[in-house]
Amino acid sequence: MRNRLLALGLVTVAMPGISAAAVEFCLEGEFDLGARYQGMQPRPGEFSTARWCVVTEDHSDRVFLSMSGKSNPDMNGNWAVAFLPPNLVRIVNANAPPDIEFRGGETLYEARRNRRIDPRRLVAELNENPEWLRDSTLHGYTAVQYPGESAPVDVTLQDGKLRTLRTTADLPLRGRVAVIWRWDWSDQTAPTLQIEVDNDVLFRAHGAWRETAGTVGLWQATPGVDPVEVPGANWPARVNMSLVELSPGVLLVQGVRTGFQHLVVQTDDGLVVADAPAGWVELHQIPPVDLVPGLGVSGLSEEFVDFLRAEFPDQKITAVALTHAHDDHAGGARAFAAAGAVVYAPAELAEFLQSALNRDSMPADRLRGAGGEVRVVPVTEPITLGGTSRPVELLPLGTSPHTSSSLGVYVPEQGFFFQSDLHVPRTESEHPRAARAVTECWFAEWAVANLPPVTVVVNTHSAVQTPVSRLAKYLESDLCLRATVEP
């Protein structure tokens, strides 16, 4: 084993200029929302500033992760999470306490996956655990079997430094693809990183280490307000579906996964569903994992389909409307196609979605088992589904600050309108959230112009229901008066 370590270049490596037991490593660069299928267009080339930082310690598995950047074209944020193995995760809300603590779940493996962002920590971990190393593969890679992880990981190292890391991930709208981290050590104290997904550049950045001072506070809750405690089973996401009736035959399925709810309408022809959810793979972790492990690309929507079949045994699922092409909202459409549903999508995105959902790289699921394929019907103008009793209208919304094209799902007789990500209120305030004012004001303007004032707007990510009359108040607010509402 000692000879194998020397051959790999896995020798004890000091951190030049870094003497502290606790070290912060930061990557500053650009993240491609388009390559992640979270941008304005589902194609690479939409880079925005991003920063990933981890604080780690010499003799502890705990990790403090902080990240900043855009999660969508219209959302620029900062977040921080403390991983405190064996069973505590804390979302740190220092600027707006309280923190949120998830107690009782297994956190060790996730802490280590985040710790490996720092390439020196990754090499040191392999140095300390030579039993994880497997035989060399082609092109100079050596296989690593991390405990508790199913995804294969291959590495190349030279002179004690990580050069390349190769693994795989199952991504919505992409399927099973290669994920490659490429390190360049031309500057020993500031290496550069490029992460590629299926040959597209996802993240490119330069790294730097610094000693940390006063790290004790990182591992303690934000002072002033007691943390909110949540069962560890809820971290990072869980499936816990339940039905909420909005009016007869118009329902929300909540808890499809944490933070996701979907409109379901009982029509003469069968069930019409809004959006086909998919999991979210954390690509900064090594190896990458889904927030709800074990479900793969189609598994979340397959469980959604099973829930609907159990709740409505006498009704088939006739249609699913994909509100937009972001992968967490559209990536589960294969499950609905396998159930016999017609898949609808904004006309400008239908060709892309049909191609992406039928990729050969898609892992095994019900649709593949049945030998089927997804056919996406483009919605170019308002269309009506479901017959004369409780009809459902699909309304094109055009280009917004969030995405190039989207649909709304409207139940006019009951007065409910469903949309995803354009209106996500946290309260019943008559003012939009400042962080999303441009998009919220854009949608308020559209809704006031196109829907009756008594219409109630429901959304994917919030339990708050908003009458259009309240959205009219948005347009009178200083935020909307100042916002640039042009997409």
Protein backbone atom coordinates (compact mmCIF):
# COMPACT_ATOMS: atom_id res chain seq x y z
CA MET A 1 0.00 0.00 0.00
CA ARG A 2 2.88 2.40 0.75
CA ASN A 3 4.24 1.86 -2.77
CA ARG A 4 0.81 2.56 -4.24
CA LEU A 5 0.62 5.84 -2.35
CA LEU A 6 4.04 6.91 -3.58
CA ALA A 7 3.13 6.01 -7.15
CA LEU A 8 0.05 8.22 -6.90
CA GLY A 9 1.91 11.10 -5.40
CA LEU A 10 -0.15 10.74 -2.23
CA VAL A 11 2.39 11.88 0.28
CA THR A 12 1.94 14.08 3.29
CA VAL A 13 1.48 17.63 2.05
CA ALA A 14 1.83 20.72 4.21
CA MET A 15 -0.16 23.87 3.52
CA PRO A 16 2.45 26.53 2.75
CA GLY A 17 1.80 29.69 4.69
CA ILE A 18 -1.12 28.14 6.54
CA SER A 19 -0.44 27.22 10.14
CA ALA A 20 -3.90 27.35 11.69
CA ALA A 21 -5.75 24.14 12.52
CA ALA A 22 -8.84 25.73 10.97
CA VAL A 23 -8.50 26.84 7.35
CA GLU A 24 -10.84 28.62 4.96
CA PHE A 25 -10.59 27.77 1.28
CA CYS A 26 -12.52 29.88 -1.20
CA LEU A 27 -13.21 29.51 -4.89
CA GLU A 28 -14.14 32.72 -6.66
CA GLY A 29 -15.25 32.69 -10.26
CA GLU A 30 -18.24 32.14 -12.53
CA PHE A 31 -21.10 29.64 -12.58
CA ASP A 32 -23.02 28.86 -15.79
CA LEU A 33 -26.76 28.88 -15.09
CA GLY A 34 -27.46 27.86 -18.67
CA ALA A 35 -25.33 24.73 -18.40
CA ARG A 36 -27.23 23.87 -15.21
CA TYR A 37 -30.53 24.40 -17.08
CA GLN A 38 -31.50 27.13 -14.62
CA GLY A 39 -30.89 30.12 -16.87
CA MET A 40 -32.90 32.27 -19.24
CA GLN A 41 -32.23 29.75 -22.01
CA PRO A 42 -31.51 26.02 -21.61
CA ARG A 43 -28.07 26.21 -23.15
CA PRO A 44 -24.53 26.95 -21.94
CA GLY A 45 -23.07 30.42 -21.87
CA GLU A 46 -24.94 32.27 -19.09
CA PHE A 47 -22.15 32.86 -16.58
CA SER A 48 -22.58 34.87 -13.41
CA THR A 49 -20.30 35.59 -10.46
CA ALA A 50 -20.15 32.85 -7.83
CA ARG A 51 -18.17 32.16 -4.64
CA TRP A 52 -17.82 28.88 -2.74
CA CYS A 53 -16.02 28.76 0.63
CA VAL A 54 -15.41 26.03 3.20
CA VAL A 55 -13.89 26.27 6.65
CA THR A 56 -12.40 22.96 7.78
CA GLU A 57 -10.23 21.75 10.66
CA ASP A 58 -7.28 19.41 10.96
CA HIS A 59 -8.84 17.00 13.43
CA SER A 60 -12.57 17.35 12.91
CA ASP A 61 -15.13 16.50 10.25
CA ARG A 62 -17.22 19.58 10.86
CA VAL A 63 -17.52 22.00 7.94
CA PHE A 64 -18.79 25.54 7.52
CA LEU A 65 -19.99 26.09 3.95
CA SER A 66 -20.84 29.50 2.57
CA MET A 67 -21.87 30.24 -1.00
CA SER A 68 -22.98 33.25 -2.97
CA GLY A 69 -24.21 33.77 -6.50
CA LYS A 70 -27.28 33.32 -8.65
CA SER A 71 -29.52 30.29 -8.30
CA ASN A 72 -31.71 31.65 -11.13
CA PRO A 73 -31.30 34.62 -13.49
CA ASP A 74 -33.37 36.82 -11.15
CA MET A 75 -32.14 35.52 -7.78
CA ASN A 76 -28.78 36.53 -6.35
CA GLY A 77 -28.22 35.33 -2.82
CA ASN A 78 -25.90 34.29 -0.01
CA TRP A 79 -26.30 31.29 2.22
CA ALA A 80 -24.31 29.46 4.88
CA VAL A 81 -24.63 26.00 6.40
CA ALA A 82 -22.71 24.44 9.29
CA PHE A 83 -22.32 20.66 9.22
CA LEU A 84 -21.74 19.30 12.71
CA PRO A 85 -21.39 15.51 12.60
CA PRO A 86 -22.68 13.13 13.66
CA ASN A 87 -26.25 14.45 13.62
CA LEU A 88 -26.65 18.22 13.31
CA VAL A 89 -26.94 20.61 10.36
CA ARG A 90 -27.53 24.31 10.89
CA ILE A 91 -28.71 26.82 8.29
CA VAL A 92 -27.07 30.02 9.48
CA ASN A 93 -29.26 33.12 9.26
CA ALA A 94 -26.90 35.57 10.94
CA ASN A 95 -28.39 38.57 9.13
CA ALA A 96 -31.97 37.57 9.90
CA PRO A 97 -32.11 35.12 12.83
CA PRO A 98 -33.22 32.59 13.88
CA ASP A 99 -31.00 29.85 12.54
CA ILE A 100 -32.64 26.56 11.58
CA GLU A 101 -31.22 23.37 13.08
CA PHE A 102 -31.87 19.88 11.74
CA ARG A 103 -31.20 17.38 14.53
CA GLY A 104 -31.04 13.63 14.41
CA GLY A 105 -30.02 12.91 10.84
CA GLU A 106 -26.74 11.44 9.56
CA THR A 107 -24.45 14.33 8.58
CA LEU A 108 -20.97 12.80 8.38
CA TYR A 109 -20.96 11.84 4.71
CA GLU A 110 -22.43 15.15 3.57
CA ALA A 111 -19.91 17.08 5.67
CA ARG A 112 -17.09 15.15 4.03
CA ARG A 113 -18.51 15.68 0.53
CA ASN A 114 -18.46 19.44 1.14
CA ARG A 115 -15.04 19.30 2.81
CA ARG A 116 -13.55 17.90 -0.42
CA ILE A 117 -14.10 21.26 -2.14
CA ASP A 118 -10.68 22.04 -0.65
CA PRO A 119 -8.28 19.95 -2.80
CA ARG A 120 -5.68 19.76 -0.04
CA ARG A 121 -8.21 18.34 2.37
CA LEU A 122 -9.27 15.81 -0.27
CA VAL A 123 -5.69 14.62 -0.77
CA ALA A 124 -5.04 14.51 2.97
CA GLU A 125 -8.19 12.40 3.44
CA LEU A 126 -6.98 9.88 0.85
CA ASN A 127 -3.59 9.88 2.52
CA GLU A 128 -5.22 8.94 5.81
CA ASN A 129 -7.47 6.26 4.26
CA PRO A 130 -5.44 4.27 1.71
CA GLU A 131 -7.96 1.42 1.92
CA TRP A 132 -10.34 3.57 -0.12
CA LEU A 133 -8.06 3.32 -3.16
CA ARG A 134 -8.79 0.78 -5.85
CA ASP A 135 -6.89 -0.30 -8.96
CA SER A 136 -5.77 2.20 -11.54
CA THR A 137 -8.06 2.75 -14.52
CA LEU A 138 -7.35 4.00 -18.02
CA HIS A 139 -5.59 7.31 -18.66
CA GLY A 140 -3.80 7.30 -15.33
CA TYR A 141 -6.86 7.56 -13.09
CA THR A 142 -7.06 5.71 -9.80
CA ALA A 143 -10.47 4.63 -8.51
CA VAL A 144 -11.60 5.79 -5.06
CA GLN A 145 -14.44 4.11 -3.20
CA TYR A 146 -15.69 6.57 -0.61
CA PRO A 147 -17.58 4.88 2.24
CA GLY A 148 -21.32 5.32 2.02
CA GLU A 149 -21.22 6.61 -1.56
CA SER A 150 -22.45 4.80 -4.63
CA ALA A 151 -21.09 7.11 -7.33
CA PRO A 152 -17.69 6.05 -8.70
CA VAL A 153 -14.85 8.54 -8.33
CA ASP A 154 -11.54 8.48 -10.22
CA VAL A 155 -8.62 10.80 -9.49
CA THR A 156 -5.25 11.71 -10.91
CA LEU A 157 -2.61 13.23 -8.66
CA GLN A 158 0.88 14.54 -9.26
CA ASP A 159 3.45 15.72 -6.73
CA GLY A 160 0.89 15.38 -3.95
CA LYS A 161 -1.68 17.57 -5.69
CA LEU A 162 -5.08 16.78 -7.14
CA ARG A 163 -5.03 17.25 -10.89
CA THR A 164 -8.29 15.72 -12.08
CA LEU A 165 -11.33 14.19 -10.45
CA ARG A 166 -13.91 12.33 -12.51
CA THR A 167 -17.29 11.07 -11.36
CA THR A 168 -20.85 10.73 -12.64
CA ALA A 169 -24.24 12.23 -11.81
CA ASP A 170 -27.83 11.62 -12.90
CA LEU A 171 -29.15 15.04 -13.93
CA PRO A 172 -32.66 15.98 -15.07
CA LEU A 173 -32.76 16.80 -18.80
CA ARG A 174 -29.23 15.36 -19.19
CA GLY A 175 -29.32 11.83 -17.82
CA ARG A 176 -26.23 10.08 -16.49
CA VAL A 177 -23.26 12.26 -17.37
CA ALA A 178 -19.61 12.71 -16.52
CA VAL A 179 -18.68 15.41 -14.01
CA ILE A 180 -15.01 16.40 -14.11
CA TRP A 181 -13.03 18.70 -11.82
CA ARG A 182 -9.81 19.98 -13.45
CA TRP A 183 -7.18 21.68 -11.29
CA ASP A 184 -4.28 23.80 -12.55
CA TRP A 185 -1.46 24.39 -10.06
CA SER A 186 0.63 26.87 -12.06
CA ASP A 187 0.23 29.14 -9.04
CA GLN A 188 0.81 26.90 -6.02
CA THR A 189 -1.04 29.21 -3.61
CA ALA A 190 -3.92 30.08 -5.95
CA PRO A 191 -4.87 27.08 -8.10
CA THR A 192 -7.59 27.34 -10.71
CA LEU A 193 -10.53 24.96 -11.09
CA GLN A 194 -12.84 24.12 -13.95
CA ILE A 195 -15.85 21.87 -13.42
CA GLU A 196 -17.31 20.29 -16.54
CA VAL A 197 -20.68 18.56 -16.85
CA ASP A 198 -21.24 16.48 -19.97
CA ASN A 199 -18.43 18.49 -21.66
CA ASP A 200 -20.01 21.85 -20.77
CA VAL A 201 -18.14 24.18 -18.41
CA LEU A 202 -20.29 24.61 -15.29
CA PHE A 203 -17.95 26.49 -12.93
CA ARG A 204 -14.55 28.12 -13.35
CA ALA A 205 -12.74 29.78 -10.50
CA HIS A 206 -9.47 30.46 -8.75
CA GLY A 207 -8.86 29.28 -5.20
CA ALA A 208 -7.08 30.68 -2.18
CA TRP A 209 -6.50 29.65 1.42
CA ARG A 210 -6.41 31.86 4.47
CA GLU A 211 -6.00 31.36 8.15
CA THR A 212 -9.22 31.84 10.09
CA ALA A 213 -9.57 33.75 13.31
CA GLY A 214 -12.31 33.35 15.88
CA THR A 215 -13.66 30.14 14.38
CA VAL A 216 -15.38 29.13 17.62
CA GLY A 217 -18.33 31.28 16.62
CA LEU A 218 -18.79 29.35 13.39
CA TRP A 219 -19.88 26.26 15.29
CA GLN A 220 -22.33 28.08 17.55
CA ALA A 221 -25.82 29.29 16.74
CA THR A 222 -26.28 32.96 15.90
CA PRO A 223 -26.69 34.73 19.25
CA GLY A 224 -29.85 36.59 20.16
CA VAL A 225 -32.57 34.18 19.04
CA ASP A 226 -32.91 30.47 19.78
CA PRO A 227 -32.64 28.31 16.66
CA VAL A 228 -35.71 26.68 15.19
CA GLU A 229 -35.33 22.93 15.57
CA VAL A 230 -36.47 20.62 12.78
CA PRO A 231 -36.25 16.80 12.64
CA GLY A 232 -33.10 15.66 10.87
CA ALA A 233 -35.17 13.54 8.49
CA ASN A 234 -36.22 16.79 6.80
CA TRP A 235 -32.64 17.61 5.74
CA PRO A 236 -31.87 18.34 2.99
CA ALA A 237 -35.27 17.43 1.51
CA ARG A 238 -37.94 14.82 2.03
CA VAL A 239 -40.98 13.44 0.27
CA ASN A 240 -44.10 13.83 2.40
CA MET A 241 -47.10 14.26 0.10
CA SER A 242 -50.55 15.40 1.20
CA LEU A 243 -53.63 16.90 -0.48
CA VAL A 244 -55.10 20.34 0.16
CA GLU A 245 -58.42 21.15 -1.49
CA LEU A 246 -58.68 24.69 -2.85
CA SER A 247 -62.21 24.15 -4.16
CA PRO A 248 -64.09 21.04 -5.34
CA GLY A 249 -61.86 19.27 -7.85
CA VAL A 250 -59.02 21.81 -7.56
CA LEU A 251 -56.22 20.65 -5.28
CA LEU A 252 -52.62 21.21 -4.27
CA VAL A 253 -50.33 18.27 -3.61
CA GLN A 254 -47.94 19.54 -0.96
CA GLY A 255 -44.65 17.99 0.11
CA VAL A 256 -43.83 16.46 -3.27
CA ARG A 257 -40.43 17.28 -1.92
CA THR A 258 -39.51 19.94 0.60
CA GLY A 259 -40.57 23.29 -0.80
CA PHE A 260 -42.52 21.89 -3.77
CA GLN A 261 -46.29 21.80 -4.25
CA HIS A 262 -48.24 21.20 -7.44
CA LEU A 263 -51.71 22.00 -8.75
CA VAL A 264 -53.91 19.04 -9.71
CA VAL A 265 -57.32 19.55 -11.35
CA GLN A 266 -60.01 16.89 -11.76
CA THR A 267 -61.58 17.34 -15.19
CA ASP A 268 -64.04 15.40 -17.34
CA ASP A 269 -61.11 13.76 -19.12
CA GLY A 270 -58.95 13.04 -16.07
CA LEU A 271 -56.30 14.75 -13.97
CA VAL A 272 -54.37 17.78 -15.23
CA VAL A 273 -51.11 18.38 -13.32
CA ALA A 274 -48.90 21.45 -13.20
CA ASP A 275 -45.16 20.67 -13.50
CA ALA A 276 -43.18 17.44 -13.38
CA PRO A 277 -40.65 17.79 -10.53
CA ALA A 278 -37.19 16.29 -10.45
CA GLY A 279 -34.53 16.12 -7.77
CA TRP A 280 -31.69 18.58 -7.30
CA VAL A 281 -28.13 17.27 -7.52
CA GLU A 282 -25.54 19.15 -5.46
CA LEU A 283 -22.69 19.42 -7.96
CA HIS A 284 -20.29 21.16 -5.58
CA GLN A 285 -20.16 18.02 -3.44
CA ILE A 286 -17.76 15.15 -4.15
CA PRO A 287 -19.30 12.84 -5.17
CA PRO A 288 -22.49 14.69 -6.24
CA VAL A 289 -25.74 13.48 -4.68
CA ASP A 290 -29.42 14.21 -5.07
CA LEU A 291 -31.20 16.08 -2.27
CA VAL A 292 -33.54 13.07 -2.06
CA PRO A 293 -31.10 10.18 -2.57
CA GLY A 294 -32.11 7.10 -4.50
CA LEU A 295 -34.76 8.61 -6.76
CA GLY A 296 -32.62 9.41 -9.78
CA VAL A 297 -33.95 11.53 -12.63
CA SER A 298 -37.54 10.23 -12.80
CA GLY A 299 -38.04 8.82 -9.31
CA LEU A 300 -39.54 11.91 -7.67
CA SER A 301 -42.24 12.30 -10.33
CA GLU A 302 -42.80 8.53 -10.35
CA GLU A 303 -43.64 8.77 -6.64
CA PHE A 304 -45.88 11.75 -7.42
CA VAL A 305 -47.69 9.66 -10.07
CA ASP A 306 -48.10 6.79 -7.59
CA PHE A 307 -49.56 9.19 -5.01
CA LEU A 308 -52.11 10.50 -7.52
CA ARG A 309 -53.09 6.99 -8.57
CA ALA A 310 -53.67 6.03 -4.93
CA GLU A 311 -55.71 9.15 -4.19
CA PHE A 312 -57.69 9.08 -7.46
CA PRO A 313 -57.96 5.39 -8.42
CA ASP A 314 -60.82 6.01 -10.86
CA GLN A 315 -59.13 8.82 -12.79
CA LYS A 316 -56.22 8.69 -15.18
CA ILE A 317 -53.57 11.37 -15.47
CA THR A 318 -54.30 12.92 -18.84
CA ALA A 319 -51.95 15.91 -19.00
CA VAL A 320 -48.97 17.57 -17.37
CA ALA A 321 -48.11 21.20 -18.14
CA LEU A 322 -44.44 22.12 -17.82
CA THR A 323 -44.49 25.75 -16.75
CA HIS A 324 -40.88 26.34 -17.84
CA ALA A 325 -37.72 24.46 -18.77
CA HIS A 326 -35.73 24.67 -15.53
CA ASP A 327 -34.70 21.13 -14.74
CA ASP A 328 -36.30 20.85 -11.29
CA HIS A 329 -39.74 21.72 -12.77
CA ALA A 330 -39.58 19.88 -16.10
CA GLY A 331 -37.10 17.07 -15.53
CA GLY A 332 -39.62 14.53 -14.22
CA ALA A 333 -41.82 14.54 -17.33
CA ARG A 334 -40.69 11.03 -18.30
CA ALA A 335 -42.70 9.65 -15.36
CA PHE A 336 -45.88 11.35 -16.59
CA ALA A 337 -45.32 10.19 -20.16
CA ALA A 338 -44.94 6.64 -18.83
CA ALA A 339 -48.29 7.10 -17.06
CA GLY A 340 -49.95 8.01 -20.35
CA ALA A 341 -50.16 11.78 -19.85
CA VAL A 342 -49.77 14.27 -22.68
CA VAL A 343 -46.87 16.63 -21.98
CA TYR A 344 -47.37 20.34 -22.75
CA ALA A 345 -44.70 23.06 -22.67
CA PRO A 346 -44.07 26.62 -23.88
CA ALA A 347 -43.72 26.56 -27.65
CA GLU A 348 -40.25 28.13 -27.68
CA LEU A 349 -38.90 25.38 -25.41
CA ALA A 350 -40.83 22.32 -26.61
CA GLU A 351 -38.21 21.12 -29.10
CA PHE A 352 -35.41 21.36 -26.53
CA LEU A 353 -37.47 19.59 -23.87
CA GLN A 354 -38.48 16.75 -26.18
CA SER A 355 -34.88 16.18 -27.18
CA ALA A 356 -33.54 16.44 -23.62
CA LEU A 357 -36.17 14.16 -22.08
CA ASN A 358 -35.44 11.43 -24.66
CA ARG A 359 -31.66 11.39 -24.36
CA ASP A 360 -30.00 7.98 -24.60
CA SER A 361 -28.14 8.84 -21.39
CA MET A 362 -31.31 8.71 -19.30
CA PRO A 363 -30.98 6.04 -16.60
CA ALA A 364 -33.45 3.18 -16.36
CA ASP A 365 -36.97 4.24 -15.42
CA ARG A 366 -40.58 3.31 -16.17
CA LEU A 367 -40.63 4.98 -19.57
CA ARG A 368 -37.54 3.13 -20.72
CA GLY A 369 -38.95 -0.11 -19.35
CA ALA A 370 -42.07 0.40 -21.44
CA GLY A 371 -40.09 1.29 -24.55
CA GLY A 372 -41.79 4.68 -24.74
CA GLU A 373 -40.71 8.23 -25.44
CA VAL A 374 -41.76 11.73 -24.44
CA ARG A 375 -43.64 13.78 -27.00
CA VAL A 376 -43.97 17.44 -26.03
CA VAL A 377 -46.91 19.45 -27.36
CA PRO A 378 -45.93 23.10 -27.91
CA VAL A 379 -48.34 25.70 -26.53
CA THR A 380 -48.26 28.66 -28.90
CA GLU A 381 -51.51 30.29 -27.74
CA PRO A 382 -54.05 29.68 -24.95
CA ILE A 383 -55.52 26.19 -25.08
CA THR A 384 -58.23 24.51 -23.00
CA LEU A 385 -58.00 21.00 -21.53
CA GLY A 386 -60.45 18.76 -19.73
CA GLY A 387 -63.85 19.16 -21.34
CA THR A 388 -66.78 21.37 -20.27
CA SER A 389 -66.75 20.64 -16.53
CA ARG A 390 -63.95 22.47 -14.72
CA PRO A 391 -61.88 23.30 -17.85
CA VAL A 392 -58.19 24.11 -17.48
CA GLU A 393 -56.51 26.75 -19.61
CA LEU A 394 -52.79 26.82 -20.40
CA LEU A 395 -51.73 30.42 -20.90
CA PRO A 396 -48.38 31.43 -22.46
CA LEU A 397 -46.79 34.14 -20.32
CA GLY A 398 -43.94 35.13 -22.61
CA THR A 399 -40.46 36.20 -21.55
CA SER A 400 -39.97 37.17 -17.90
CA PRO A 401 -36.89 38.09 -15.87
CA HIS A 402 -36.84 34.45 -14.71
CA THR A 403 -36.88 32.54 -17.99
CA SER A 404 -37.31 32.99 -21.71
CA SER A 405 -40.76 31.42 -21.83
CA SER A 406 -43.29 30.01 -19.39
CA LEU A 407 -46.88 28.84 -18.96
CA GLY A 408 -49.55 29.50 -16.38
CA VAL A 409 -52.24 26.95 -15.49
CA TYR A 410 -55.64 28.61 -15.06
CA VAL A 411 -58.91 27.20 -13.70
CA PRO A 412 -61.26 30.06 -14.60
CA GLU A 413 -64.54 28.72 -13.20
CA GLN A 414 -63.02 28.22 -9.74
CA GLY A 415 -60.79 31.29 -10.02
CA PHE A 416 -57.32 29.76 -9.42
CA PHE A 417 -54.14 30.40 -11.36
CA PHE A 418 -50.92 28.40 -10.85
CA GLN A 419 -47.44 29.55 -11.83
CA SER A 420 -43.90 28.57 -10.88
CA ASP A 421 -41.12 30.87 -9.67
CA LEU A 422 -42.57 34.15 -10.97
CA HIS A 423 -44.47 34.94 -7.78
CA VAL A 424 -43.15 33.42 -4.55
CA PRO A 425 -44.48 35.49 -1.62
CA ARG A 426 -43.33 34.84 1.93
CA THR A 427 -46.14 36.83 3.58
CA GLU A 428 -49.46 38.46 2.69
CA SER A 429 -47.80 41.85 2.39
CA GLU A 430 -48.98 44.28 -0.27
CA HIS A 431 -45.34 44.84 -1.23
CA PRO A 432 -43.12 42.41 -3.15
CA ARG A 433 -39.94 40.98 -1.68
CA ALA A 434 -37.07 43.35 -2.39
CA ALA A 435 -34.72 40.55 -3.48
CA ARG A 436 -37.15 39.49 -6.23
CA ALA A 437 -38.83 42.80 -6.99
CA VAL A 438 -38.09 42.82 -10.72
CA THR A 439 -39.73 39.43 -11.30
CA GLU A 440 -42.54 39.93 -8.79
CA CYS A 441 -43.44 43.29 -10.33
CA TRP A 442 -43.26 41.82 -13.83
CA PHE A 443 -45.71 39.09 -12.86
CA ALA A 444 -48.00 41.50 -10.99
CA GLU A 445 -48.25 43.63 -14.12
CA TRP A 446 -49.06 40.55 -16.24
CA ALA A 447 -51.64 39.21 -13.77
CA VAL A 448 -53.46 42.54 -13.36
CA ALA A 449 -53.68 42.88 -17.14
CA ASN A 450 -54.82 39.30 -17.85
CA LEU A 451 -56.74 37.89 -14.87
CA PRO A 452 -59.90 38.96 -12.99
CA PRO A 453 -59.12 40.72 -9.65
CA VAL A 454 -60.76 37.90 -7.65
CA THR A 455 -58.46 35.24 -9.15
CA VAL A 456 -56.25 33.59 -6.54
CA VAL A 457 -52.64 32.91 -7.54
CA VAL A 458 -50.94 29.82 -6.11
CA ASN A 459 -47.33 28.86 -6.63
CA THR A 460 -44.82 26.05 -6.33
CA HIS A 461 -42.71 27.17 -3.40
CA SER A 462 -44.94 29.06 -0.95
CA ALA A 463 -48.14 28.31 0.94
CA VAL A 464 -49.27 31.94 0.59
CA GLN A 465 -52.19 32.44 -1.81
CA THR A 466 -52.45 35.83 -3.48
CA PRO A 467 -55.58 37.43 -4.97
CA VAL A 468 -54.84 39.48 -8.07
CA SER A 469 -56.28 42.48 -6.24
CA ARG A 470 -53.26 42.28 -3.90
CA LEU A 471 -50.90 42.12 -6.87
CA ALA A 472 -52.47 45.39 -8.03
CA LYS A 473 -51.26 46.86 -4.72
CA TYR A 474 -47.76 45.62 -5.59
CA LEU A 475 -47.78 47.89 -8.62
CA GLU A 476 -48.42 50.89 -6.36
CA SER A 477 -45.42 50.10 -4.14
CA ASP A 478 -42.14 52.01 -4.34
CA LEU A 479 -40.36 48.77 -5.25
CA CYS A 480 -42.48 48.25 -8.34
CA LEU A 481 -42.49 51.92 -9.26
CA ARG A 482 -38.68 51.82 -9.20
CA ALA A 483 -38.22 48.33 -10.65
CA THR A 484 -37.31 47.77 -14.26
CA VAL A 485 -40.10 45.48 -15.34
CA GLU A 486 -38.85 44.92 -18.87
CA PRO A 487 -37.48 41.34 -19.17
